Amino acid sequence: MSDQLLWINHAGFELRTQGLRLVCDPWLEGQVFNDGWSLISPTTYAYSDFEGVDFIWFSHEHPDHFNPQNLRKVPESARRGITALFQRTKDQRVVQFCKKLGFKVREIADWDRIALKPGVYLTCKTVGMDSFSFIETEERTYLNLNDCVPDDQARFYTGVCRRLGQKVDVLLTQFSYAGWVGNPGDLKSMRRAAAEKCHSINLQMTAFRPKFLVPFASHVWFCRKDNFHLNDGINTIADIFRAYDGPDHNCVVLYPGDVWNVGHPFRSLRSVERYMADLGSHTSPLDLGTGPVALARLQELSAAQQGKIRADNCLWALRPLVWAGLMNPVNIYVRDLELGIKYSCLGGILDQGLDRISCHIEMTSDNLAEVFKFGYASDTLMINGMFRELVPGGRFVFMRNFMVERYNDHGEHVPYLLLKPEFLKSHLGKLIKRTV
């Protein structure tokens, strides 16, 4: 019997091969990224369907791939029989969460080729906080790139191809942008970001030459008033199917509940039409009833955040960056409170009552409160896109002020954080531009 792919939703699917059931990145229901994303189409895969699953592989911790609320609903009896597969991390957060829920857990080091059963292997490689997987069965090979977007894509894909040393039969990859790419009305930036996704797919197709392309990890819509405009420039699944279904390879589009006998013909056009009908039904944002957070509460949250930053880091090591002007405060306009605040990662809220014209970035108080409460929430904000950039590059000033906390969230602390290339690139890149 040939391998089967049963489609769950978005980036989630179940691979059935040789009596083994492997689920990847299941997100079944609910909004994610502070309620900024919602699924385009309803999921038919039920929590009871996890009964008999052998493995779940999570590519990374983002909730559209690793969804704690959904995982808690998996029946306890099913959890006991499932082994969760995840990259090795310092913080161990995903691993510990899975263990507490009763899953068995196996951590995977970069390029480790582990046997899921005789004849079925999985190899994992991290890319930043993300990871991709290469699955080998007796029938086919599958490269699941999901959200992996390295800096030098062509070189990276060529290197991966050499390292794997095998042909790729089925390539699964993201097909549209997944975050803020412009303010309302900036359709040019949105279309440029969408075109860049197609460029990435082109590079992947050239490097891996797969027999089948499964576009995925983009079956979502920006569902709130503050980010609804980002739907205007996305690559739709119809766009991708028209561009990549051809004589040299097949583009296979799978709708929730579809089962594909891998390698056999599949009626993708029917799935495309169903997705497009669902997308067309989302004509207005969701009203989830969030209200403003008072300034006094924002000040409390900022003070608590500052206490945690001081406890977790040796902040004296950041002084050279401060003296060089590389960690200047960010001015944030809080739209629903109609005031601007000055914020520094080394002092919290320094001033309030600023004019909008003097601010770098604009958002609502509930989103700012999330950023103060959780180390990962500044990344969430960039992904859900629920802000406005008031000056070009204002989002980068904002992100630099929350970078220490974001790394702390993954077990990296100052002064050792200063050795991270990503941290230095973010701050020193500004200095290089200033001196050119």
Protein backbone atom coordinates (compact mmCIF):
# COMPACT_ATOMS: atom_id res chain seq x y z
CA MET A 1 0.00 0.00 0.00
CA SER A 2 1.32 3.46 -0.88
CA ASP A 3 1.96 6.18 1.67
CA GLN A 4 -1.02 8.35 2.53
CA LEU A 5 -1.20 12.00 3.54
CA LEU A 6 -4.32 12.92 5.52
CA TRP A 7 -4.69 16.69 5.66
CA ILE A 8 -5.44 18.26 9.04
CA ASN A 9 -5.18 22.01 8.38
CA HIS A 10 -2.69 24.83 7.71
CA ALA A 11 0.70 23.11 8.36
CA GLY A 12 -0.78 20.00 9.93
CA PHE A 13 -1.01 16.59 8.32
CA GLU A 14 -0.82 12.91 9.17
CA LEU A 15 1.54 10.63 7.24
CA ARG A 16 0.50 6.99 7.21
CA THR A 17 3.14 4.53 6.11
CA GLN A 18 3.80 0.85 6.83
CA GLY A 19 1.29 0.84 9.68
CA LEU A 20 2.90 3.91 11.31
CA ARG A 21 1.04 7.19 11.90
CA LEU A 22 3.08 10.39 12.14
CA VAL A 23 1.35 13.73 12.72
CA CYS A 24 3.14 17.01 12.00
CA ASP A 25 2.28 20.44 13.46
CA PRO A 26 -1.42 19.98 14.27
CA TRP A 27 -3.48 23.16 14.77
CA LEU A 28 -7.14 22.21 14.80
CA GLU A 29 -9.08 25.22 16.02
CA GLY A 30 -9.07 28.63 17.69
CA GLN A 31 -7.22 31.88 17.03
CA VAL A 32 -3.46 32.22 17.56
CA PHE A 33 -0.87 34.99 17.93
CA ASN A 34 -2.92 37.00 20.44
CA ASP A 35 -6.07 36.24 18.41
CA GLY A 36 -4.55 37.77 15.28
CA TRP A 37 -4.78 34.71 12.98
CA SER A 38 -7.62 32.33 12.25
CA LEU A 39 -7.87 29.29 10.00
CA ILE A 40 -9.39 29.86 6.57
CA SER A 41 -11.24 26.54 6.57
CA PRO A 42 -12.79 24.37 9.30
CA THR A 43 -10.89 21.31 10.49
CA THR A 44 -12.50 17.88 10.24
CA TYR A 45 -9.73 16.03 12.12
CA ALA A 46 -11.13 15.32 15.60
CA TYR A 47 -9.27 15.00 18.89
CA SER A 48 -10.40 11.38 19.02
CA ASP A 49 -8.49 10.82 15.75
CA PHE A 50 -5.24 11.03 17.74
CA GLU A 51 -6.04 7.57 19.14
CA GLY A 52 -3.50 5.24 17.55
CA VAL A 53 -1.11 7.98 16.41
CA ASP A 54 2.51 6.94 17.05
CA PHE A 55 4.41 10.24 16.77
CA ILE A 56 3.79 13.99 16.66
CA TRP A 57 6.58 16.17 15.28
CA PHE A 58 6.58 19.88 16.12
CA SER A 59 8.68 22.14 13.93
CA HIS A 60 8.80 25.02 16.43
CA GLU A 61 6.97 26.63 19.31
CA HIS A 62 4.71 29.03 17.40
CA PRO A 63 1.07 28.22 18.20
CA ASP A 64 0.07 27.57 14.58
CA HIS A 65 2.45 24.58 14.81
CA PHE A 66 2.61 23.78 18.53
CA ASN A 67 -0.77 24.64 20.06
CA PRO A 68 -1.00 23.99 23.81
CA GLN A 69 -4.76 24.59 23.97
CA ASN A 70 -5.39 21.99 21.28
CA LEU A 71 -2.94 19.48 22.74
CA ARG A 72 -4.69 19.60 26.12
CA LYS A 73 -7.84 18.34 24.37
CA VAL A 74 -6.17 15.22 22.98
CA PRO A 75 -7.60 12.32 25.00
CA GLU A 76 -5.32 11.25 27.83
CA SER A 77 -5.41 7.66 26.62
CA ALA A 78 -4.12 8.79 23.22
CA ARG A 79 -1.36 10.95 24.71
CA ARG A 80 0.12 8.00 26.57
CA GLY A 81 0.72 6.18 23.29
CA ILE A 82 2.23 9.13 21.37
CA THR A 83 5.89 10.16 21.31
CA ALA A 84 6.40 13.90 20.79
CA LEU A 85 9.43 14.72 18.61
CA PHE A 86 11.10 18.10 19.03
CA GLN A 87 14.42 19.84 18.46
CA ARG A 88 16.86 20.14 21.37
CA THR A 89 16.49 23.51 23.11
CA LYS A 90 17.99 25.18 26.17
CA ASP A 91 14.68 26.23 27.69
CA GLN A 92 13.10 22.72 27.42
CA ARG A 93 9.69 24.39 27.51
CA VAL A 94 8.01 22.35 24.78
CA VAL A 95 9.53 19.11 26.06
CA GLN A 96 8.42 19.70 29.65
CA PHE A 97 4.92 20.71 28.57
CA CYS A 98 4.53 17.52 26.58
CA LYS A 99 5.82 15.38 29.44
CA LYS A 100 3.35 16.97 31.87
CA LEU A 101 0.50 16.11 29.51
CA GLY A 102 1.59 12.47 29.46
CA PHE A 103 3.23 12.30 26.04
CA LYS A 104 6.44 10.36 25.67
CA VAL A 105 9.16 12.69 24.40
CA ARG A 106 12.20 12.34 22.17
CA GLU A 107 14.51 15.27 21.52
CA ILE A 108 16.34 15.40 18.20
CA ALA A 109 19.76 16.94 17.63
CA ASP A 110 20.59 18.63 14.34
CA TRP A 111 20.97 16.14 11.50
CA ASP A 112 20.22 13.14 13.71
CA ARG A 113 18.54 10.45 11.56
CA ILE A 114 16.24 8.58 13.90
CA ALA A 115 14.33 5.40 13.10
CA LEU A 116 10.60 5.69 13.77
CA LYS A 117 10.31 2.04 12.78
CA PRO A 118 12.33 -0.19 10.43
CA GLY A 119 12.37 1.53 7.06
CA VAL A 120 10.98 4.88 8.30
CA TYR A 121 13.40 7.63 9.32
CA LEU A 122 13.16 11.28 10.35
CA THR A 123 15.97 13.84 10.23
CA CYS A 124 15.58 17.27 11.83
CA LYS A 125 17.60 20.50 11.43
CA THR A 126 17.05 23.77 13.28
CA VAL A 127 16.97 27.12 11.48
CA GLY A 128 16.84 29.82 14.15
CA MET A 129 13.97 28.81 16.43
CA ASP A 130 12.34 26.89 13.57
CA SER A 131 13.26 23.50 12.15
CA PHE A 132 12.61 21.39 9.09
CA SER A 133 12.24 17.64 8.81
CA PHE A 134 13.20 15.08 6.18
CA ILE A 135 11.12 11.91 6.31
CA GLU A 136 12.12 8.71 4.52
CA THR A 137 9.78 5.79 3.99
CA GLU A 138 10.13 2.72 1.82
CA GLU A 139 7.94 4.47 -0.75
CA ARG A 140 8.87 8.18 -0.73
CA THR A 141 10.92 11.00 0.78
CA TYR A 142 9.33 14.15 2.23
CA LEU A 143 11.00 17.49 2.95
CA ASN A 144 8.86 19.59 5.30
CA LEU A 145 10.36 23.10 5.23
CA ASN A 146 7.32 24.85 6.77
CA ASP A 147 8.44 28.34 7.95
CA CYS A 148 12.23 27.99 7.51
CA VAL A 149 13.56 31.11 5.75
CA PRO A 150 17.39 31.35 6.04
CA ASP A 151 19.33 34.49 5.13
CA ASP A 152 21.18 33.09 2.11
CA GLN A 153 18.45 30.87 0.71
CA ALA A 154 20.11 29.57 -2.45
CA ARG A 155 23.26 28.54 -0.61
CA PHE A 156 21.30 27.04 2.25
CA TYR A 157 19.03 24.90 0.06
CA THR A 158 21.98 23.68 -1.98
CA GLY A 159 23.78 22.73 1.24
CA VAL A 160 20.73 20.88 2.56
CA CYS A 161 20.42 19.01 -0.71
CA ARG A 162 24.06 17.88 -0.50
CA ARG A 163 23.72 16.91 3.15
CA LEU A 164 20.62 14.81 2.59
CA GLY A 165 22.25 13.05 -0.33
CA GLN A 166 18.88 11.88 -1.59
CA LYS A 167 16.19 13.01 -3.94
CA VAL A 168 13.12 14.77 -2.54
CA ASP A 169 9.86 13.29 -3.75
CA VAL A 170 7.46 15.59 -1.88
CA LEU A 171 8.29 19.17 -0.87
CA LEU A 172 6.00 20.90 1.64
CA THR A 173 6.59 24.64 1.99
CA GLN A 174 5.02 27.92 3.07
CA PHE A 175 3.44 29.86 0.20
CA SER A 176 2.54 33.32 1.55
CA TYR A 177 3.85 35.90 3.99
CA ALA A 178 3.23 35.35 7.68
CA GLY A 179 3.45 38.70 9.44
CA TRP A 180 3.37 42.48 9.14
CA VAL A 181 4.52 43.65 5.73
CA GLY A 182 3.01 47.14 5.57
CA ASN A 183 0.50 49.65 6.87
CA PRO A 184 -3.07 49.86 5.54
CA GLY A 185 -3.02 50.92 1.91
CA ASP A 186 0.59 49.85 1.33
CA LEU A 187 -0.35 47.24 -1.23
CA LYS A 188 3.02 47.60 -2.96
CA SER A 189 4.89 46.26 0.09
CA MET A 190 2.40 43.43 0.50
CA ARG A 191 2.75 42.35 -3.11
CA ARG A 192 6.53 42.55 -2.85
CA ALA A 193 6.47 40.26 0.21
CA ALA A 194 4.17 37.85 -1.61
CA ALA A 195 6.52 37.83 -4.61
CA GLU A 196 9.45 37.08 -2.30
CA LYS A 197 7.61 33.95 -1.14
CA CYS A 198 7.30 32.82 -4.74
CA HIS A 199 11.00 33.52 -5.22
CA SER A 200 11.74 31.27 -2.23
CA ILE A 201 9.64 28.49 -3.75
CA ASN A 202 11.49 28.90 -7.05
CA LEU A 203 14.84 28.50 -5.28
CA GLN A 204 13.57 25.42 -3.46
CA MET A 205 12.23 23.85 -6.64
CA THR A 206 15.57 24.44 -8.38
CA ALA A 207 17.59 22.97 -5.50
CA PHE A 208 15.45 19.95 -4.62
CA ARG A 209 13.62 19.20 -7.89
CA PRO A 210 10.71 17.46 -6.16
CA LYS A 211 8.18 15.36 -8.00
CA PHE A 212 5.38 16.91 -5.98
CA LEU A 213 4.93 20.32 -4.36
CA VAL A 214 2.46 20.65 -1.47
CA PRO A 215 1.98 24.35 -0.65
CA PHE A 216 0.94 24.78 2.97
CA ALA A 217 1.50 26.65 6.27
CA SER A 218 -0.37 29.65 4.86
CA HIS A 219 -4.02 28.58 5.07
CA VAL A 220 -4.83 31.42 7.48
CA TRP A 221 -6.29 34.90 7.39
CA PHE A 222 -5.51 38.02 9.40
CA CYS A 223 -8.72 38.21 11.40
CA ARG A 224 -8.70 41.41 13.48
CA LYS A 225 -9.50 45.04 12.70
CA ASP A 226 -5.88 46.09 13.23
CA ASN A 227 -4.44 43.55 10.77
CA PHE A 228 -7.31 42.81 8.37
CA HIS A 229 -5.64 44.93 5.66
CA LEU A 230 -2.81 42.39 5.41
CA ASN A 231 -5.17 39.99 3.60
CA ASP A 232 -5.14 42.34 0.59
CA GLY A 233 -1.77 41.23 -0.81
CA ILE A 234 -1.42 37.56 0.13
CA ASN A 235 -0.61 34.77 -2.28
CA THR A 236 -3.81 32.78 -2.53
CA ILE A 237 -3.71 29.03 -3.01
CA ALA A 238 -5.24 29.60 -6.46
CA ASP A 239 -2.28 31.84 -7.38
CA ILE A 240 0.19 29.18 -6.29
CA PHE A 241 -1.61 26.31 -8.00
CA ARG A 242 -1.67 28.19 -11.31
CA ALA A 243 2.03 29.05 -11.00
CA TYR A 244 3.42 25.68 -9.93
CA ASP A 245 1.32 22.93 -11.45
CA GLY A 246 3.13 21.86 -14.59
CA PRO A 247 4.68 19.06 -16.63
CA ASP A 248 7.87 18.82 -14.56
CA HIS A 249 6.15 18.46 -11.18
CA ASN A 250 2.67 18.26 -9.73
CA CYS A 251 1.26 20.82 -7.32
CA VAL A 252 -0.96 18.97 -4.86
CA VAL A 253 -3.42 21.08 -2.85
CA LEU A 254 -5.03 19.32 0.09
CA TYR A 255 -8.13 20.59 1.90
CA PRO A 256 -8.90 19.61 5.53
CA GLY A 257 -10.02 15.99 5.53
CA ASP A 258 -8.51 15.14 2.14
CA VAL A 259 -6.51 11.91 1.84
CA TRP A 260 -3.87 11.63 -0.88
CA ASN A 261 -2.40 8.28 -1.88
CA VAL A 262 1.05 9.72 -2.46
CA GLY A 263 2.19 9.49 -6.04
CA HIS A 264 -1.31 8.95 -7.40
CA PRO A 265 -3.29 11.61 -9.27
CA PHE A 266 -5.24 13.99 -7.04
CA ARG A 267 -8.05 16.42 -7.84
CA SER A 268 -6.34 19.52 -6.49
CA LEU A 269 -8.59 21.96 -8.34
CA ARG A 270 -11.53 20.87 -6.21
CA SER A 271 -9.52 21.66 -3.04
CA VAL A 272 -8.42 25.01 -4.47
CA GLU A 273 -12.04 25.97 -5.16
CA ARG A 274 -13.08 25.05 -1.61
CA TYR A 275 -10.28 27.12 -0.07
CA MET A 276 -11.11 30.10 -2.27
CA ALA A 277 -14.79 29.90 -1.35
CA ASP A 278 -13.87 29.85 2.35
CA LEU A 279 -11.46 32.74 1.91
CA GLY A 280 -14.14 34.76 0.15
CA SER A 281 -16.48 34.30 3.10
CA HIS A 282 -14.16 36.19 5.47
CA THR A 283 -15.26 39.67 4.46
CA SER A 284 -14.92 41.42 7.81
CA PRO A 285 -12.72 41.07 10.92
CA LEU A 286 -13.73 39.20 14.03
CA ASP A 287 -14.97 41.20 17.00
CA LEU A 288 -13.40 39.45 19.97
CA GLY A 289 -14.40 42.12 22.49
CA THR A 290 -11.01 43.12 23.90
CA GLY A 291 -11.04 46.42 25.79
CA PRO A 292 -8.40 49.01 26.70
CA VAL A 293 -5.79 48.43 29.40
CA ALA A 294 -5.41 51.41 31.72
CA LEU A 295 -2.12 53.32 31.79
CA ALA A 296 -1.65 52.48 35.47
CA ARG A 297 -1.84 48.77 34.60
CA LEU A 298 0.67 49.20 31.77
CA GLN A 299 3.04 50.88 34.24
CA GLU A 300 2.64 47.97 36.68
CA LEU A 301 3.37 45.44 33.94
CA SER A 302 6.40 47.41 32.75
CA ALA A 303 7.79 47.61 36.30
CA ALA A 304 7.36 43.85 36.78
CA GLN A 305 9.02 43.20 33.43
CA GLN A 306 11.97 45.42 34.37
CA GLY A 307 12.44 43.54 37.63
CA LYS A 308 12.62 40.26 35.74
CA ILE A 309 15.09 41.66 33.20
CA ARG A 310 17.39 42.89 35.98
CA ALA A 311 17.17 39.54 37.77
CA ASP A 312 17.95 37.52 34.63
CA ASN A 313 20.80 39.57 33.14
CA CYS A 314 24.03 41.42 33.93
CA LEU A 315 22.90 44.66 32.33
CA TRP A 316 26.22 46.44 32.82
CA ALA A 317 27.44 44.52 29.76
CA LEU A 318 25.00 46.52 27.60
CA ARG A 319 26.50 49.89 28.50
CA PRO A 320 28.76 50.09 25.42
CA LEU A 321 25.69 49.69 23.21
CA VAL A 322 23.91 52.41 25.17
CA TRP A 323 26.90 54.79 24.91
CA ALA A 324 27.09 54.15 21.17
CA GLY A 325 23.41 55.07 20.81
CA LEU A 326 22.46 51.57 19.68
CA MET A 327 19.82 50.98 22.36
CA ASN A 328 17.87 54.23 22.22
CA PRO A 329 14.34 54.19 23.68
CA VAL A 330 11.28 53.66 21.48
CA ASN A 331 8.28 55.98 21.45
CA ILE A 332 5.00 54.03 21.29
CA TYR A 333 1.64 55.64 20.56
CA VAL A 334 -1.13 53.76 22.40
CA ARG A 335 -4.07 54.42 20.14
CA ASP A 336 -7.00 53.52 22.38
CA LEU A 337 -5.55 55.56 25.26
CA GLU A 338 -4.66 58.43 22.89
CA LEU A 339 -1.21 58.95 24.36
CA GLY A 340 2.39 58.18 23.58
CA ILE A 341 4.95 56.67 25.94
CA LYS A 342 8.73 56.49 25.86
CA TYR A 343 10.02 53.02 26.70
CA SER A 344 13.54 51.69 27.24
CA CYS A 345 14.59 48.09 27.83
CA LEU A 346 16.91 49.49 30.53
CA GLY A 347 14.32 51.54 32.38
CA GLY A 348 10.80 50.68 31.34
CA ILE A 349 8.30 53.50 30.80
CA LEU A 350 10.36 56.70 31.04
CA ASP A 351 7.79 59.26 29.91
CA GLN A 352 4.13 59.51 28.93
CA GLY A 353 1.86 61.94 27.14
CA LEU A 354 3.95 62.10 23.95
CA ASP A 355 2.34 63.29 20.73
CA ARG A 356 1.64 60.73 18.02
CA ILE A 357 3.87 62.62 15.60
CA SER A 358 6.91 61.94 17.82
CA CYS A 359 6.32 58.16 18.02
CA HIS A 360 7.94 55.30 16.10
CA ILE A 361 5.08 52.81 16.24
CA GLU A 362 1.39 52.64 17.13
CA MET A 363 -0.66 49.85 18.72
CA THR A 364 -3.51 49.25 21.14
CA SER A 365 -3.02 48.94 24.87
CA ASP A 366 -3.95 45.25 25.01
CA ASN A 367 -1.18 44.37 22.57
CA LEU A 368 1.35 46.46 24.50
CA ALA A 369 0.26 44.78 27.73
CA GLU A 370 0.97 41.36 26.16
CA VAL A 371 4.48 42.54 25.20
CA PHE A 372 5.17 43.60 28.78
CA LYS A 373 3.82 40.31 30.19
CA PHE A 374 5.50 37.75 27.92
CA GLY A 375 9.00 37.57 26.48
CA TYR A 376 7.74 36.09 23.22
CA ALA A 377 4.97 38.66 22.71
CA SER A 378 7.05 41.17 20.73
CA ASP A 379 7.61 38.42 18.14
CA THR A 380 3.89 37.68 18.29
CA LEU A 381 3.16 41.32 17.49
CA MET A 382 5.36 41.22 14.40
CA ILE A 383 3.56 38.08 13.23
CA ASN A 384 -0.01 39.15 13.94
CA GLY A 385 0.71 42.57 12.44
CA MET A 386 -1.55 44.47 14.83
CA PHE A 387 0.42 47.72 14.79
CA ARG A 388 1.23 50.67 12.56
CA GLU A 389 4.72 51.86 11.73
CA LEU A 390 4.70 55.64 12.14
CA VAL A 391 8.22 56.24 10.83
CA PRO A 392 10.16 54.00 8.42
CA GLY A 393 12.03 51.41 10.45
CA GLY A 394 10.07 52.19 13.62
CA ARG A 395 9.36 48.50 14.18
CA PHE A 396 13.09 47.79 14.39
CA VAL A 397 13.56 50.42 17.12
CA PHE A 398 10.70 48.72 18.95
CA MET A 399 12.13 45.22 18.55
CA ARG A 400 15.62 46.20 19.72
CA ASN A 401 14.12 47.36 23.00
CA PHE A 402 12.55 43.96 23.58
CA MET A 403 15.31 41.76 22.18
CA VAL A 404 16.94 40.96 25.54
CA GLU A 405 13.63 39.74 26.91
CA ARG A 406 12.93 37.65 23.81
CA TYR A 407 16.26 35.85 24.14
CA ASN A 408 15.75 35.42 27.88
CA ASP A 409 12.55 33.59 27.01
CA HIS A 410 14.66 30.95 25.23
CA GLY A 411 17.32 30.63 27.92
CA GLU A 412 19.86 33.17 26.57
CA HIS A 413 21.07 35.91 28.93
CA VAL A 414 23.39 38.93 29.02
CA PRO A 415 26.41 38.94 28.90
CA TYR A 416 26.48 35.65 26.94
CA LEU A 417 23.75 36.99 24.69
CA LEU A 418 26.27 39.48 23.30
CA LEU A 419 27.99 36.57 21.57
CA LYS A 420 24.88 35.70 19.56
CA PRO A 421 25.31 36.70 15.90
CA GLU A 422 21.62 37.58 15.62
CA PHE A 423 21.84 40.02 18.54
CA LEU A 424 24.98 41.69 17.26
CA LYS A 425 23.59 41.92 13.74
CA SER A 426 20.49 43.73 14.99
CA HIS A 427 22.43 46.34 16.96
CA LEU A 428 25.73 46.67 15.14
CA GLY A 429 24.02 46.75 11.77
CA LYS A 430 22.56 50.10 12.80
CA LEU A 431 26.04 51.42 13.60
CA ILE A 432 27.43 50.21 10.26
CA LYS A 433 24.67 52.00 8.35
CA ARG A 434 25.32 55.16 10.34
CA THR A 435 29.04 55.20 9.44
CA VAL A 436 28.68 54.43 5.73
